[in-house]
Amino acid sequence: MDVFHFLGRSREAKLKLEQHRQRLYRIAYAWTHSAALADDLVQETLAKALKKSGQLRDPNAGDAWLYSILANCYHDHFRRLRTTEEIDENTIIHDSTPEKESSEQEIVLKVRAAIARLSEGQRQVVTLVDIQGLSYMEVAQILNVPIGTVMSRLCRARYALKDLLGDFAPRTAAEESKIRRIK
């Protein structure tokens, strides 16, 4: 099938071109679901094919060559539509910054140091309940102590941590706006 040697004005060449255009249109429409875009892609495909018809080595592979040109036009169309951002003009914002990671690491180290300062029983209870998320009953069974002991150790440990880590405690609006009366 000599697809691109119909540059002449014969009726047969025009019929071949119309047949290829219809097949290409059906494929383009199936890919895009847009009549206007499919028409544009087919027009661009045929224009490129006619312009580069000398590159076709095997005239029997004309259909495959046309479809590959259509596929390339399709990909080029969406590549052109991709939005690009100028890095120099936009500020790059990321949740994780070196300053934030350093601050978080500092907090982790201070919490670990504060937990290390607790008594052994309090340290065990705090790590099992607050860090590992175990229930009081599970901790009591693990440590082989009554549940009341777990609760009292946990309460004392939390108060001790509150004192040791007072700088990190979030302030409530009521604490910040307290007015002191002086007599």
N, C-alpha and C. Protein backbone atom coordinates (compact mmCIF):
# COMPACT_ATOMS: atom_id res chain seq x y z
N MET A 1 0.85 -1.17 0.00
CA MET A 1 0.00 0.00 0.00
C MET A 1 0.90 1.23 0.00
N ASP A 2 0.93 1.95 -1.06
CA ASP A 2 1.78 3.12 -1.21
C ASP A 2 1.01 4.33 -0.69
N VAL A 3 1.17 4.59 0.61
CA VAL A 3 0.35 5.57 1.29
C VAL A 3 0.67 7.00 0.90
N PHE A 4 1.94 7.32 0.79
CA PHE A 4 2.29 8.74 0.66
C PHE A 4 2.68 9.17 -0.74
N HIS A 5 2.43 8.34 -1.67
CA HIS A 5 2.71 8.76 -3.04
C HIS A 5 1.43 9.26 -3.70
N PHE A 6 0.54 9.75 -2.89
CA PHE A 6 -0.69 10.32 -3.44
C PHE A 6 -0.67 11.83 -3.39
N LEU A 7 0.53 12.40 -3.51
CA LEU A 7 0.60 13.85 -3.52
C LEU A 7 0.00 14.43 -4.80
N GLY A 8 -0.15 13.56 -5.76
CA GLY A 8 -0.81 13.99 -7.00
C GLY A 8 -2.27 14.27 -6.73
N ARG A 9 -2.99 14.70 -7.74
CA ARG A 9 -4.37 15.10 -7.52
C ARG A 9 -5.35 14.03 -8.03
N SER A 10 -4.92 12.79 -8.01
CA SER A 10 -5.82 11.74 -8.52
C SER A 10 -6.94 11.48 -7.52
N ARG A 11 -8.03 11.00 -8.06
CA ARG A 11 -9.19 10.69 -7.24
C ARG A 11 -8.87 9.55 -6.28
N GLU A 12 -8.10 8.57 -6.72
CA GLU A 12 -7.73 7.43 -5.90
C GLU A 12 -6.88 7.88 -4.70
N ALA A 13 -5.97 8.79 -4.92
CA ALA A 13 -5.12 9.30 -3.83
C ALA A 13 -5.96 10.02 -2.80
N LYS A 14 -6.92 10.80 -3.26
CA LYS A 14 -7.78 11.51 -2.32
C LYS A 14 -8.62 10.54 -1.50
N LEU A 15 -9.11 9.46 -2.11
CA LEU A 15 -9.88 8.46 -1.40
C LEU A 15 -9.03 7.76 -0.34
N LYS A 16 -7.78 7.43 -0.68
CA LYS A 16 -6.87 6.80 0.28
C LYS A 16 -6.62 7.73 1.46
N LEU A 17 -6.38 8.98 1.16
CA LEU A 17 -6.12 9.95 2.22
C LEU A 17 -7.33 10.09 3.12
N GLU A 18 -8.53 10.09 2.56
CA GLU A 18 -9.75 10.22 3.34
C GLU A 18 -9.96 8.98 4.22
N GLN A 19 -9.65 7.80 3.69
CA GLN A 19 -9.77 6.58 4.48
C GLN A 19 -8.83 6.61 5.69
N HIS A 20 -7.61 7.04 5.46
CA HIS A 20 -6.63 7.12 6.56
C HIS A 20 -7.07 8.17 7.58
N ARG A 21 -7.60 9.28 7.08
CA ARG A 21 -8.04 10.32 7.99
C ARG A 21 -9.16 9.81 8.88
N GLN A 22 -10.10 9.08 8.33
CA GLN A 22 -11.21 8.55 9.13
C GLN A 22 -10.73 7.56 10.18
N ARG A 23 -9.81 6.66 9.79
CA ARG A 23 -9.28 5.69 10.77
C ARG A 23 -8.49 6.40 11.87
N LEU A 24 -7.68 7.35 11.47
CA LEU A 24 -6.90 8.10 12.46
C LEU A 24 -7.83 8.88 13.40
N TYR A 25 -8.89 9.44 12.83
CA TYR A 25 -9.85 10.20 13.65
C TYR A 25 -10.51 9.29 14.68
N ARG A 26 -10.94 8.10 14.26
CA ARG A 26 -11.58 7.17 15.19
C ARG A 26 -10.64 6.82 16.35
N ILE A 27 -9.38 6.59 16.04
CA ILE A 27 -8.42 6.26 17.09
C ILE A 27 -8.18 7.46 18.00
N ALA A 28 -7.98 8.62 17.40
CA ALA A 28 -7.74 9.83 18.19
C ALA A 28 -8.93 10.15 19.07
N TYR A 29 -10.14 9.96 18.54
CA TYR A 29 -11.33 10.22 19.34
C TYR A 29 -11.44 9.22 20.50
N ALA A 30 -11.09 7.97 20.24
CA ALA A 30 -11.12 6.96 21.30
C ALA A 30 -10.12 7.31 22.40
N TRP A 31 -9.01 7.92 22.03
CA TRP A 31 -8.00 8.30 23.02
C TRP A 31 -8.39 9.55 23.80
N THR A 32 -9.00 10.52 23.12
CA THR A 32 -9.21 11.83 23.74
C THR A 32 -10.64 12.09 24.20
N HIS A 33 -11.62 11.43 23.60
CA HIS A 33 -13.05 11.67 23.86
C HIS A 33 -13.43 13.12 23.59
N SER A 34 -12.73 13.72 22.65
CA SER A 34 -13.02 15.10 22.28
C SER A 34 -12.93 15.20 20.76
N ALA A 35 -14.04 15.59 20.13
CA ALA A 35 -14.07 15.66 18.68
C ALA A 35 -13.08 16.71 18.15
N ALA A 36 -13.03 17.85 18.79
CA ALA A 36 -12.16 18.92 18.32
C ALA A 36 -10.68 18.54 18.47
N LEU A 37 -10.34 17.97 19.61
CA LEU A 37 -8.95 17.57 19.83
C LEU A 37 -8.56 16.44 18.89
N ALA A 38 -9.46 15.49 18.68
CA ALA A 38 -9.17 14.38 17.76
C ALA A 38 -8.94 14.91 16.36
N ASP A 39 -9.76 15.87 15.94
CA ASP A 39 -9.60 16.47 14.61
C ASP A 39 -8.26 17.19 14.49
N ASP A 40 -7.89 17.92 15.53
CA ASP A 40 -6.60 18.63 15.52
C ASP A 40 -5.43 17.64 15.45
N LEU A 41 -5.53 16.56 16.20
CA LEU A 41 -4.44 15.58 16.20
C LEU A 41 -4.31 14.90 14.84
N VAL A 42 -5.43 14.59 14.21
CA VAL A 42 -5.39 13.96 12.89
C VAL A 42 -4.80 14.92 11.87
N GLN A 43 -5.20 16.18 11.94
CA GLN A 43 -4.67 17.17 11.01
C GLN A 43 -3.17 17.30 11.18
N GLU A 44 -2.72 17.38 12.42
CA GLU A 44 -1.29 17.48 12.70
C GLU A 44 -0.55 16.23 12.24
N THR A 45 -1.15 15.07 12.44
CA THR A 45 -0.55 13.80 12.02
C THR A 45 -0.38 13.76 10.52
N LEU A 46 -1.43 14.10 9.79
CA LEU A 46 -1.34 14.05 8.33
C LEU A 46 -0.37 15.09 7.78
N ALA A 47 -0.33 16.25 8.41
CA ALA A 47 0.62 17.27 7.97
C ALA A 47 2.06 16.79 8.17
N LYS A 48 2.34 16.19 9.31
CA LYS A 48 3.69 15.68 9.56
C LYS A 48 4.01 14.51 8.62
N ALA A 49 3.02 13.67 8.38
CA ALA A 49 3.25 12.52 7.51
C ALA A 49 3.54 12.96 6.08
N LEU A 50 2.79 13.92 5.60
CA LEU A 50 3.03 14.41 4.24
C LEU A 50 4.38 15.12 4.14
N LYS A 51 4.72 15.85 5.18
CA LYS A 51 6.00 16.57 5.18
C LYS A 51 7.18 15.61 5.23
N LYS A 52 7.04 14.51 5.97
CA LYS A 52 8.14 13.56 6.16
C LYS A 52 7.93 12.28 5.37
N SER A 53 7.14 12.32 4.32
CA SER A 53 6.83 11.09 3.58
C SER A 53 8.07 10.44 3.00
N GLY A 54 9.10 11.18 2.78
CA GLY A 54 10.34 10.60 2.26
C GLY A 54 11.04 9.70 3.27
N GLN A 55 10.69 9.79 4.54
CA GLN A 55 11.32 8.97 5.57
C GLN A 55 10.71 7.58 5.66
N LEU A 56 9.59 7.35 5.03
CA LEU A 56 8.93 6.06 5.08
C LEU A 56 9.71 5.08 4.21
N ARG A 57 10.32 4.07 4.84
CA ARG A 57 11.17 3.10 4.12
C ARG A 57 10.34 2.00 3.46
N ASP A 58 9.34 1.51 4.16
CA ASP A 58 8.53 0.41 3.65
C ASP A 58 7.12 0.92 3.39
N PRO A 59 6.74 1.05 2.12
CA PRO A 59 5.40 1.56 1.81
C PRO A 59 4.28 0.69 2.38
N ASN A 60 4.54 -0.60 2.64
CA ASN A 60 3.51 -1.47 3.21
C ASN A 60 3.31 -1.21 4.70
N ALA A 61 4.22 -0.49 5.32
CA ALA A 61 4.10 -0.17 6.75
C ALA A 61 3.54 1.23 6.96
N GLY A 62 2.88 1.75 5.97
CA GLY A 62 2.35 3.12 6.04
C GLY A 62 1.34 3.32 7.16
N ASP A 63 0.47 2.33 7.37
CA ASP A 63 -0.53 2.45 8.43
C ASP A 63 0.13 2.54 9.80
N ALA A 64 1.05 1.64 10.07
CA ALA A 64 1.75 1.65 11.36
C ALA A 64 2.50 2.96 11.54
N TRP A 65 3.08 3.45 10.47
CA TRP A 65 3.84 4.71 10.54
C TRP A 65 2.90 5.86 10.89
N LEU A 66 1.74 5.88 10.27
CA LEU A 66 0.75 6.93 10.56
C LEU A 66 0.30 6.86 12.02
N TYR A 67 0.04 5.66 12.51
CA TYR A 67 -0.41 5.51 13.90
C TYR A 67 0.68 5.93 14.88
N SER A 68 1.92 5.66 14.55
CA SER A 68 3.01 6.09 15.45
C SER A 68 3.13 7.61 15.44
N ILE A 69 2.92 8.22 14.29
CA ILE A 69 2.93 9.70 14.24
C ILE A 69 1.78 10.24 15.07
N LEU A 70 0.61 9.62 14.96
CA LEU A 70 -0.56 10.04 15.75
C LEU A 70 -0.25 9.92 17.24
N ALA A 71 0.35 8.81 17.64
CA ALA A 71 0.69 8.62 19.06
C ALA A 71 1.66 9.69 19.53
N ASN A 72 2.64 10.02 18.69
CA ASN A 72 3.60 11.06 19.06
C ASN A 72 2.93 12.43 19.15
N CYS A 73 2.02 12.72 18.25
CA CYS A 73 1.28 13.99 18.31
C CYS A 73 0.43 14.06 19.57
N TYR A 74 -0.18 12.93 19.92
CA TYR A 74 -1.00 12.86 21.13
C TYR A 74 -0.15 13.14 22.37
N HIS A 75 1.01 12.49 22.46
CA HIS A 75 1.89 12.71 23.61
C HIS A 75 2.44 14.13 23.64
N ASP A 76 2.79 14.66 22.47
CA ASP A 76 3.29 16.03 22.40
C ASP A 76 2.25 17.04 22.85
N HIS A 77 0.99 16.78 22.48
CA HIS A 77 -0.09 17.70 22.88
C HIS A 77 -0.18 17.80 24.40
N PHE A 78 -0.17 16.67 25.08
CA PHE A 78 -0.30 16.70 26.54
C PHE A 78 0.99 17.13 27.21
N ARG A 79 2.10 16.92 26.58
CA ARG A 79 3.37 17.42 27.12
C ARG A 79 3.38 18.95 27.10
N ARG A 80 2.82 19.53 26.05
CA ARG A 80 2.75 20.99 25.96
C ARG A 80 1.80 21.57 27.00
N LEU A 81 0.77 20.81 27.36
CA LEU A 81 -0.22 21.30 28.32
C LEU A 81 0.26 21.25 29.76
N ARG A 82 1.29 20.45 30.02
CA ARG A 82 1.77 20.33 31.41
C ARG A 82 2.18 21.69 31.94
N THR A 83 1.77 21.95 33.15
CA THR A 83 2.13 23.22 33.75
C THR A 83 3.55 23.12 34.30
N THR A 84 4.28 24.16 34.08
CA THR A 84 5.63 24.22 34.60
C THR A 84 5.73 25.40 35.55
N GLU A 85 6.57 25.26 36.52
CA GLU A 85 6.74 26.33 37.48
C GLU A 85 8.19 26.78 37.46
N GLU A 86 8.35 28.06 37.52
CA GLU A 86 9.69 28.61 37.63
C GLU A 86 10.14 28.49 39.07
N ILE A 87 11.19 27.78 39.30
CA ILE A 87 11.67 27.57 40.65
C ILE A 87 12.19 28.87 41.26
N ASP A 88 12.81 29.69 40.43
CA ASP A 88 13.38 30.94 40.94
C ASP A 88 12.31 31.90 41.43
N GLU A 89 11.14 31.86 40.80
CA GLU A 89 10.10 32.81 41.15
C GLU A 89 9.21 32.35 42.30
N ASN A 90 9.12 31.05 42.51
CA ASN A 90 8.24 30.52 43.54
C ASN A 90 9.05 30.08 44.75
N THR A 91 8.46 30.23 45.88
CA THR A 91 9.08 29.76 47.10
C THR A 91 8.75 28.29 47.27
N ILE A 92 9.78 27.51 47.51
CA ILE A 92 9.56 26.09 47.72
C ILE A 92 9.23 25.90 49.19
N ILE A 93 8.05 25.35 49.42
CA ILE A 93 7.59 25.15 50.79
C ILE A 93 7.46 23.66 51.02
N HIS A 94 8.07 23.22 52.08
CA HIS A 94 8.01 21.80 52.43
C HIS A 94 7.77 21.71 53.92
N ASP A 95 6.97 20.74 54.31
CA ASP A 95 6.65 20.60 55.73
C ASP A 95 7.88 20.28 56.56
N SER A 96 8.79 19.55 56.00
CA SER A 96 9.98 19.14 56.74
C SER A 96 11.15 20.03 56.35
N THR A 97 11.53 20.91 57.26
CA THR A 97 12.69 21.77 57.03
C THR A 97 13.79 21.38 58.00
N PRO A 98 15.02 21.72 57.71
CA PRO A 98 16.09 21.39 58.64
C PRO A 98 15.87 21.99 60.03
N GLU A 99 15.34 23.20 60.09
CA GLU A 99 15.09 23.84 61.38
C GLU A 99 14.05 23.07 62.18
N LYS A 100 12.98 22.67 61.49
CA LYS A 100 11.91 21.94 62.16
C LYS A 100 12.40 20.57 62.63
N GLU A 101 13.15 19.87 61.77
CA GLU A 101 13.68 18.57 62.16
C GLU A 101 14.65 18.70 63.33
N SER A 102 15.47 19.74 63.32
CA SER A 102 16.40 19.96 64.43
C SER A 102 15.65 20.24 65.72
N SER A 103 14.61 21.05 65.63
CA SER A 103 13.80 21.37 66.80
C SER A 103 13.11 20.12 67.35
N GLU A 104 12.56 19.31 66.44
CA GLU A 104 11.89 18.08 66.86
C GLU A 104 12.89 17.12 67.50
N GLN A 105 14.08 17.03 66.93
CA GLN A 105 15.11 16.15 67.49
C GLN A 105 15.52 16.63 68.88
N GLU A 106 15.59 17.93 69.07
CA GLU A 106 15.93 18.49 70.38
C GLU A 106 14.86 18.14 71.41
N ILE A 107 13.60 18.23 71.01
CA ILE A 107 12.50 17.88 71.91
C ILE A 107 12.57 16.40 72.28
N VAL A 108 12.82 15.56 71.29
CA VAL A 108 12.91 14.12 71.55
C VAL A 108 14.03 13.83 72.55
N LEU A 109 15.18 14.46 72.36
CA LEU A 109 16.30 14.23 73.28
C LEU A 109 15.96 14.69 74.70
N LYS A 110 15.27 15.83 74.82
CA LYS A 110 14.90 16.33 76.15
C LYS A 110 13.87 15.43 76.81
N VAL A 111 12.92 14.91 76.05
CA VAL A 111 11.92 14.00 76.62
C VAL A 111 12.59 12.71 77.06
N ARG A 112 13.50 12.20 76.25
CA ARG A 112 14.22 10.98 76.64
C ARG A 112 15.03 11.20 77.92
N ALA A 113 15.67 12.35 77.99
CA ALA A 113 16.47 12.65 79.20
C ALA A 113 15.56 12.77 80.42
N ALA A 114 14.37 13.39 80.24
CA ALA A 114 13.44 13.54 81.36
C ALA A 114 12.91 12.18 81.80
N ILE A 115 12.60 11.31 80.86
CA ILE A 115 12.13 9.96 81.20
C ILE A 115 13.24 9.19 81.91
N ALA A 116 14.47 9.38 81.50
CA ALA A 116 15.59 8.69 82.13
C ALA A 116 15.77 9.12 83.59
N ARG A 117 15.32 10.32 83.93
CA ARG A 117 15.45 10.82 85.30
C ARG A 117 14.37 10.27 86.23
N LEU A 118 13.34 9.63 85.69
CA LEU A 118 12.27 9.06 86.51
C LEU A 118 12.79 7.80 87.22
N SER A 119 12.07 7.43 88.27
CA SER A 119 12.43 6.17 88.95
C SER A 119 12.13 5.01 88.01
N GLU A 120 12.69 3.86 88.31
CA GLU A 120 12.54 2.71 87.42
C GLU A 120 11.08 2.32 87.23
N GLY A 121 10.31 2.28 88.28
CA GLY A 121 8.89 1.91 88.19
C GLY A 121 8.10 2.91 87.36
N GLN A 122 8.35 4.19 87.59
CA GLN A 122 7.64 5.22 86.82
C GLN A 122 8.05 5.16 85.35
N ARG A 123 9.34 4.95 85.09
CA ARG A 123 9.85 4.88 83.72
C ARG A 123 9.18 3.71 82.97
N GLN A 124 9.07 2.56 83.65
CA GLN A 124 8.44 1.40 83.03
C GLN A 124 6.98 1.68 82.69
N VAL A 125 6.26 2.23 83.64
CA VAL A 125 4.84 2.50 83.43
C VAL A 125 4.63 3.53 82.32
N VAL A 126 5.40 4.60 82.33
CA VAL A 126 5.25 5.65 81.30
C VAL A 126 5.54 5.10 79.92
N THR A 127 6.62 4.33 79.79
CA THR A 127 6.94 3.81 78.45
C THR A 127 5.91 2.81 77.97
N LEU A 128 5.38 2.00 78.87
CA LEU A 128 4.39 1.01 78.44
C LEU A 128 3.02 1.62 78.15
N VAL A 129 2.60 2.58 78.96
CA VAL A 129 1.26 3.16 78.76
C VAL A 129 1.28 4.27 77.72
N ASP A 130 2.14 5.28 77.93
CA ASP A 130 2.11 6.46 77.07
C ASP A 130 2.83 6.27 75.73
N ILE A 131 3.87 5.48 75.72
CA ILE A 131 4.62 5.33 74.47
C ILE A 131 4.14 4.11 73.68
N GLN A 132 3.97 2.98 74.37
CA GLN A 132 3.55 1.76 73.68
C GLN A 132 2.04 1.64 73.54
N GLY A 133 1.28 2.40 74.33
CA GLY A 133 -0.17 2.41 74.20
C GLY A 133 -0.88 1.22 74.82
N LEU A 134 -0.25 0.58 75.79
CA LEU A 134 -0.88 -0.56 76.45
C LEU A 134 -1.89 -0.08 77.49
N SER A 135 -2.83 -0.93 77.80
CA SER A 135 -3.83 -0.59 78.82
C SER A 135 -3.23 -0.78 80.21
N TYR A 136 -3.90 -0.19 81.23
CA TYR A 136 -3.43 -0.32 82.61
C TYR A 136 -3.41 -1.80 83.01
N MET A 137 -4.42 -2.54 82.60
CA MET A 137 -4.52 -3.96 82.95
C MET A 137 -3.34 -4.73 82.35
N GLU A 138 -3.02 -4.45 81.09
CA GLU A 138 -1.89 -5.14 80.45
C GLU A 138 -0.58 -4.82 81.14
N VAL A 139 -0.40 -3.54 81.50
CA VAL A 139 0.84 -3.14 82.19
C VAL A 139 0.92 -3.82 83.56
N ALA A 140 -0.21 -3.88 84.27
CA ALA A 140 -0.22 -4.55 85.58
C ALA A 140 0.19 -6.01 85.44
N GLN A 141 -0.29 -6.67 84.40
CA GLN A 141 0.08 -8.06 84.19
C GLN A 141 1.54 -8.20 83.79
N ILE A 142 2.04 -7.30 82.94
CA ILE A 142 3.43 -7.36 82.51
C ILE A 142 4.37 -7.16 83.69
N LEU A 143 4.09 -6.14 84.52
CA LEU A 143 4.98 -5.81 85.64
C LEU A 143 4.66 -6.63 86.90
N ASN A 144 3.57 -7.37 86.86
CA ASN A 144 3.15 -8.20 87.99
C ASN A 144 2.93 -7.35 89.25
N VAL A 145 2.17 -6.25 89.05
CA VAL A 145 1.81 -5.36 90.16
C VAL A 145 0.31 -5.10 90.07
N PRO A 146 -0.32 -4.63 91.15
CA PRO A 146 -1.75 -4.30 91.09
C PRO A 146 -2.00 -3.12 90.17
N ILE A 147 -3.21 -3.07 89.62
CA ILE A 147 -3.57 -1.99 88.69
C ILE A 147 -3.50 -0.62 89.38
N GLY A 148 -3.81 -0.55 90.65
CA GLY A 148 -3.72 0.71 91.41
C GLY A 148 -2.28 1.22 91.45
N THR A 149 -1.32 0.32 91.56
CA THR A 149 0.09 0.72 91.55
C THR A 149 0.47 1.31 90.20
N VAL A 150 -0.03 0.70 89.14
CA VAL A 150 0.23 1.22 87.79
C VAL A 150 -0.33 2.64 87.69
N MET A 151 -1.53 2.84 88.15
CA MET A 151 -2.16 4.15 88.05
C MET A 151 -1.43 5.19 88.88
N SER A 152 -1.02 4.86 90.08
CA SER A 152 -0.32 5.85 90.92
C SER A 152 1.07 6.15 90.37
N ARG A 153 1.78 5.13 89.88
CA ARG A 153 3.11 5.38 89.28
C ARG A 153 2.99 6.26 88.04
N LEU A 154 1.97 6.00 87.26
CA LEU A 154 1.76 6.77 86.04
C LEU A 154 1.44 8.23 86.38
N CYS A 155 0.59 8.42 87.39
CA CYS A 155 0.23 9.78 87.80
C CYS A 155 1.46 10.54 88.29
N ARG A 156 2.26 9.91 89.14
CA ARG A 156 3.48 10.55 89.64
C ARG A 156 4.48 10.81 88.50
N ALA A 157 4.59 9.86 87.58
CA ALA A 157 5.52 10.03 86.46
C ALA A 157 5.10 11.20 85.58
N ARG A 158 3.83 11.33 85.32
CA ARG A 158 3.34 12.43 84.47
C ARG A 158 3.56 13.78 85.14
N TYR A 159 3.34 13.85 86.45
CA TYR A 159 3.60 15.12 87.16
C TYR A 159 5.10 15.44 87.13
N ALA A 160 5.94 14.44 87.30
CA ALA A 160 7.39 14.66 87.26
C ALA A 160 7.82 15.13 85.87
N LEU A 161 7.26 14.51 84.83
CA LEU A 161 7.59 14.93 83.47
C LEU A 161 7.09 16.34 83.18
N LYS A 162 5.95 16.67 83.73
CA LYS A 162 5.41 18.02 83.54
C LYS A 162 6.37 19.05 84.14
N ASP A 163 6.91 18.73 85.31
CA ASP A 163 7.88 19.65 85.94
C ASP A 163 9.18 19.70 85.16
N LEU A 164 9.66 18.54 84.71
CA LEU A 164 10.94 18.48 83.99
C LEU A 164 10.84 19.11 82.60
N LEU A 165 9.69 19.03 81.98
CA LEU A 165 9.51 19.53 80.61
C LEU A 165 8.59 20.75 80.57
N GLY A 166 8.56 21.53 81.60
CA GLY A 166 7.67 22.69 81.69
C GLY A 166 7.84 23.67 80.55
N ASP A 167 9.04 23.77 79.97
CA ASP A 167 9.28 24.71 78.88
C ASP A 167 8.49 24.34 77.62
N PHE A 168 8.16 23.06 77.46
CA PHE A 168 7.49 22.60 76.25
C PHE A 168 5.98 22.55 76.38
N ALA A 169 5.47 22.79 77.54
CA ALA A 169 4.02 22.73 77.75
C ALA A 169 3.36 23.88 77.00
N PRO A 170 2.33 23.58 76.22
CA PRO A 170 1.63 24.66 75.52
C PRO A 170 0.86 25.52 76.50
N ARG A 171 0.90 26.79 76.27
CA ARG A 171 0.20 27.72 77.15
C ARG A 171 -1.20 27.93 76.61
N THR A 172 -2.15 27.95 77.51
CA THR A 172 -3.53 28.21 77.10
C THR A 172 -3.74 29.71 77.04
N ALA A 173 -4.79 30.12 76.40
CA ALA A 173 -5.11 31.54 76.27
C ALA A 173 -5.36 32.15 77.64
N ALA A 174 -5.97 31.38 78.53
CA ALA A 174 -6.26 31.88 79.88
C ALA A 174 -4.97 32.16 80.65
N GLU A 175 -3.97 31.30 80.48
CA GLU A 175 -2.69 31.50 81.18
C GLU A 175 -1.95 32.71 80.64
N GLU A 176 -2.04 32.94 79.34
CA GLU A 176 -1.32 34.06 78.74
C GLU A 176 -1.97 35.40 79.07
N SER A 177 -3.28 35.42 79.23
CA SER A 177 -3.97 36.68 79.46
C SER A 177 -4.30 36.91 80.93
N LYS A 178 -3.68 36.20 81.83
CA LYS A 178 -3.96 36.36 83.25
C LYS A 178 -3.51 37.75 83.71
N ILE A 179 -4.38 38.40 84.44
CA ILE A 179 -4.05 39.71 85.01
C ILE A 179 -3.74 39.52 86.47
N ARG A 180 -2.58 39.99 86.84
CA ARG A 180 -2.19 39.88 88.25
C ARG A 180 -2.62 41.14 88.99
N ARG A 181 -3.25 40.93 90.14
CA ARG A 181 -3.65 42.07 90.95
C ARG A 181 -2.61 42.29 92.02
N ILE A 182 -2.24 43.49 92.14
CA ILE A 182 -1.29 43.86 93.17
C ILE A 182 -1.99 44.83 94.11
N LYS A 183 -1.93 44.55 95.45
CA LYS A 183 -2.59 45.42 96.42
C LYS A 183 -1.60 46.30 97.09
